[in-house]
Amino acid sequence: MSTTTAINNALIVTAHPVENSLSHSLAARIAAKLREQGTQVEIADLHAEGFSPAMVRPDLALYHGDAGALPDDILREQQRVDRADMLVFVFPVYWWSVPGLLKGWFDRVLTLNWAYKVAEDGRVVGSLRDVPVRLIATAGSDIDGFEKHGYNTALHTQLVEGVFGFCGLKNVTLDILYQADTATHAQVDAFMQRLESDAVNGNVE
């Protein structure tokens, strides 16, 4: 049975270079729905903000556990995550994965001793606050192609388990709008209705 947690603050992260893209439209609609429910919404438009996805020497130092100050852009992103009671990522599927910009956000922002820690016995333990995570993707292919080649499973393994599960987050869902390039307004509306009844409501199993 599902219960609904209070979502006071939500962070929506987008990774699409075109302002009037379907990804941005979905992000705006999700933001509007959350605001209707009284949630404060912050949008991190990684393209518009010029976020750099490339791992550089200070990032690798953090990865290896070397002490040092966080780069300013990473500190800003981590503070955004710390403020949020829900995380929403809206992105197009590129080559059966997330865009390089979003992958770089994962690489650089989810640092050792913040997103995860190494316990005394050597186990890796996720340390992010366990808030709902909603992954909302747009894909050019149809669902049959995704299922035939196992792309749904690959995305789930990469993101739900490999990124967020690794960091200790358990309430993570992935929703994909298939054939997004040719989707009609009615199909987009139907997809949004499914999200509004589940994915953006913060339901916790």
Protein backbone atom coordinates (compact mmCIF):
# COMPACT_ATOMS: atom_id res chain seq x y z
CA MET A 1 0.00 0.00 0.00
CA SER A 2 1.35 3.44 -0.92
CA THR A 3 1.64 6.43 1.36
CA THR A 4 2.39 9.96 0.31
CA THR A 5 5.33 11.84 1.78
CA ALA A 6 5.44 15.61 2.10
CA ILE A 7 7.38 17.15 -0.77
CA ASN A 8 8.33 20.68 0.27
CA ASN A 9 11.18 21.22 -2.18
CA ALA A 10 11.88 19.56 -5.52
CA LEU A 11 14.87 19.78 -7.81
CA ILE A 12 14.29 19.22 -11.54
CA VAL A 13 17.44 18.61 -13.58
CA THR A 14 17.27 18.92 -17.37
CA ALA A 15 19.91 18.06 -19.95
CA HIS A 16 18.68 19.19 -23.36
CA PRO A 17 20.27 21.94 -25.48
CA VAL A 18 17.04 23.19 -27.09
CA GLU A 19 14.86 25.47 -24.98
CA ASN A 20 11.58 24.50 -26.65
CA SER A 21 12.33 20.77 -26.67
CA LEU A 22 9.93 18.13 -25.41
CA SER A 23 12.25 17.54 -22.44
CA HIS A 24 11.94 21.16 -21.36
CA SER A 25 8.19 21.12 -21.96
CA LEU A 26 7.79 18.06 -19.74
CA ALA A 27 10.01 19.61 -17.08
CA ALA A 28 7.90 22.78 -17.11
CA ARG A 29 4.67 20.82 -16.81
CA ILE A 30 6.03 18.75 -13.95
CA ALA A 31 7.21 21.92 -12.21
CA ALA A 32 3.77 23.49 -12.62
CA LYS A 33 2.05 20.41 -11.18
CA LEU A 34 4.35 20.34 -8.18
CA ARG A 35 3.84 24.05 -7.55
CA GLU A 36 0.09 23.50 -7.62
CA GLN A 37 0.62 21.06 -4.75
CA GLY A 38 2.51 23.71 -2.79
CA THR A 39 6.00 22.43 -3.54
CA GLN A 40 8.89 24.83 -4.07
CA VAL A 41 10.62 23.90 -7.32
CA GLU A 42 14.17 24.63 -8.43
CA ILE A 43 15.15 23.86 -12.02
CA ALA A 44 18.75 23.07 -12.90
CA ASP A 45 19.04 23.60 -16.66
CA LEU A 46 22.51 22.16 -17.16
CA HIS A 47 22.87 23.46 -20.72
CA ALA A 48 21.67 26.99 -19.99
CA GLU A 49 23.87 27.17 -16.90
CA GLY A 50 26.95 25.93 -18.74
CA PHE A 51 27.63 23.02 -16.41
CA SER A 52 30.91 21.32 -17.35
CA PRO A 53 30.58 17.53 -17.46
CA ALA A 54 34.27 16.75 -17.88
CA MET A 55 36.10 15.12 -15.01
CA VAL A 56 39.25 17.14 -14.29
CA ARG A 57 42.11 16.68 -11.84
CA PRO A 58 40.32 18.10 -8.74
CA ASP A 59 37.36 15.77 -9.46
CA LEU A 60 39.65 12.76 -9.65
CA ALA A 61 41.33 13.82 -6.41
CA LEU A 62 37.92 13.79 -4.71
CA TYR A 63 37.16 10.41 -6.26
CA HIS A 64 40.34 9.00 -4.76
CA GLY A 65 39.49 10.43 -1.34
CA ASP A 66 42.06 13.20 -1.29
CA ALA A 67 41.08 16.05 1.00
CA GLY A 68 40.42 19.34 -0.69
CA ALA A 69 37.83 21.99 -1.32
CA LEU A 70 34.94 21.16 -3.61
CA PRO A 71 34.87 23.08 -6.90
CA ASP A 72 32.27 25.85 -6.71
CA ASP A 73 30.03 24.33 -9.38
CA ILE A 74 29.95 20.97 -7.61
CA LEU A 75 29.23 22.56 -4.23
CA ARG A 76 26.29 24.43 -5.81
CA GLU A 77 24.83 21.22 -7.25
CA GLN A 78 25.25 19.31 -4.01
CA GLN A 79 23.54 22.09 -2.08
CA ARG A 80 20.64 21.89 -4.52
CA VAL A 81 20.34 18.16 -3.90
CA ASP A 82 20.59 18.62 -0.12
CA ARG A 83 17.66 21.08 -0.22
CA ALA A 84 15.39 18.77 -2.21
CA ASP A 85 12.75 16.38 -0.92
CA MET A 86 12.41 15.01 -4.44
CA LEU A 87 14.77 14.73 -7.40
CA VAL A 88 13.44 14.75 -10.96
CA PHE A 89 15.66 14.21 -14.00
CA VAL A 90 14.21 14.91 -17.45
CA PHE A 91 16.37 13.96 -20.42
CA PRO A 92 16.45 12.51 -23.93
CA VAL A 93 17.86 9.03 -24.48
CA TYR A 94 21.09 9.24 -26.49
CA TRP A 95 22.58 5.93 -27.66
CA TRP A 96 20.53 3.99 -25.12
CA SER A 97 21.79 6.02 -22.18
CA VAL A 98 21.68 9.51 -20.71
CA PRO A 99 23.23 12.50 -22.53
CA GLY A 100 26.91 13.08 -21.85
CA LEU A 101 26.04 16.27 -19.97
CA LEU A 102 23.91 14.38 -17.45
CA LYS A 103 26.42 11.53 -17.21
CA GLY A 104 29.05 14.13 -16.36
CA TRP A 105 26.75 15.54 -13.68
CA PHE A 106 26.62 12.08 -12.10
CA ASP A 107 30.40 11.69 -12.47
CA ARG A 108 31.28 15.00 -10.86
CA VAL A 109 28.47 15.72 -8.38
CA LEU A 110 28.06 12.31 -6.73
CA THR A 111 31.34 12.47 -4.85
CA LEU A 112 32.94 10.13 -2.35
CA ASN A 113 32.07 11.00 1.28
CA TRP A 114 28.96 12.87 0.16
CA ALA A 115 26.95 10.55 -2.09
CA TYR A 116 28.60 7.37 -0.79
CA LYS A 117 31.20 6.29 1.72
CA VAL A 118 33.56 3.40 2.26
CA ALA A 119 32.88 1.70 5.59
CA GLU A 120 35.62 0.42 7.88
CA ASP A 121 35.06 -3.12 6.59
CA GLY A 122 35.53 -1.94 3.00
CA ARG A 123 31.88 -1.97 2.00
CA VAL A 124 30.57 0.91 -0.09
CA VAL A 125 27.57 2.51 1.63
CA GLY A 126 25.23 5.01 -0.02
CA SER A 127 24.89 8.16 2.04
CA LEU A 128 22.44 10.39 0.20
CA ARG A 129 19.17 11.20 1.96
CA ASP A 130 16.63 8.69 0.65
CA VAL A 131 14.20 10.95 -1.21
CA PRO A 132 12.03 9.98 -4.20
CA VAL A 133 13.83 10.09 -7.55
CA ARG A 134 11.90 10.33 -10.82
CA LEU A 135 13.76 9.65 -14.06
CA ILE A 136 11.75 10.84 -17.06
CA ALA A 137 13.18 10.06 -20.46
CA THR A 138 12.14 10.73 -24.05
CA ALA A 139 13.14 8.13 -26.64
CA GLY A 140 12.92 8.09 -30.43
CA SER A 141 12.41 4.32 -30.68
CA ASP A 142 9.29 2.34 -29.83
CA ILE A 143 8.82 0.15 -26.79
CA ASP A 144 9.11 -3.06 -28.81
CA GLY A 145 12.62 -2.13 -29.92
CA PHE A 146 13.65 -1.26 -26.37
CA GLU A 147 12.31 -4.54 -25.01
CA LYS A 148 13.72 -6.65 -27.85
CA HIS A 149 17.26 -5.41 -27.31
CA GLY A 150 17.11 -5.08 -23.52
CA TYR A 151 17.57 -1.30 -23.49
CA ASN A 152 14.97 -0.85 -20.74
CA THR A 153 16.89 -3.28 -18.56
CA ALA A 154 20.17 -1.54 -19.41
CA LEU A 155 18.82 1.87 -18.44
CA HIS A 156 17.36 0.49 -15.22
CA THR A 157 20.65 -1.20 -14.33
CA GLN A 158 22.71 1.91 -15.13
CA LEU A 159 20.52 4.48 -13.43
CA VAL A 160 18.13 2.99 -10.89
CA GLU A 161 20.65 0.50 -9.49
CA GLY A 162 24.06 1.68 -10.66
CA VAL A 163 23.74 5.38 -9.85
CA PHE A 164 20.99 6.01 -7.35
CA GLY A 165 20.86 2.62 -5.67
CA PHE A 166 24.63 2.83 -5.21
CA CYS A 167 24.11 6.15 -3.41
CA GLY A 168 21.48 4.70 -1.06
CA LEU A 169 18.29 5.83 -2.81
CA LYS A 170 15.54 3.23 -2.88
CA ASN A 171 12.44 4.99 -4.21
CA VAL A 172 13.55 5.45 -7.83
CA THR A 173 11.34 5.11 -10.91
CA LEU A 174 12.11 5.36 -14.61
CA ASP A 175 9.39 6.44 -17.07
CA ILE A 176 10.03 6.60 -20.81
CA LEU A 177 7.98 8.39 -23.46
CA TYR A 178 8.62 6.23 -26.52
CA GLN A 179 8.51 7.48 -30.13
CA ALA A 180 8.87 10.95 -28.71
CA ASP A 181 9.90 12.49 -32.02
CA THR A 182 6.48 11.75 -33.49
CA ALA A 183 4.34 11.84 -30.35
CA THR A 184 1.04 13.68 -30.69
CA HIS A 185 -0.23 16.18 -28.14
CA ALA A 186 -2.69 13.52 -26.97
CA GLN A 187 0.10 10.99 -26.43
CA VAL A 188 2.18 13.51 -24.50
CA ASP A 189 -0.86 14.44 -22.41
CA ALA A 190 -1.52 10.77 -21.62
CA PHE A 191 2.11 10.33 -20.57
CA MET A 192 1.87 13.40 -18.34
CA GLN A 193 -1.32 12.11 -16.76
CA ARG A 194 0.49 8.93 -15.77
CA LEU A 195 3.31 10.98 -14.28
CA GLU A 196 0.92 13.28 -12.43
CA SER A 197 -0.87 10.35 -10.83
CA ASP A 198 2.29 8.59 -9.77
CA ALA A 199 5.79 9.81 -10.62
CA VAL A 200 5.51 13.42 -9.45
CA ASN A 201 3.43 12.69 -6.37
CA GLY A 202 6.22 11.30 -4.23
CA ASN A 203 4.51 7.97 -3.58
CA VAL A 204 6.57 5.66 -1.41
CA GLU A 205 5.90 1.94 -1.44
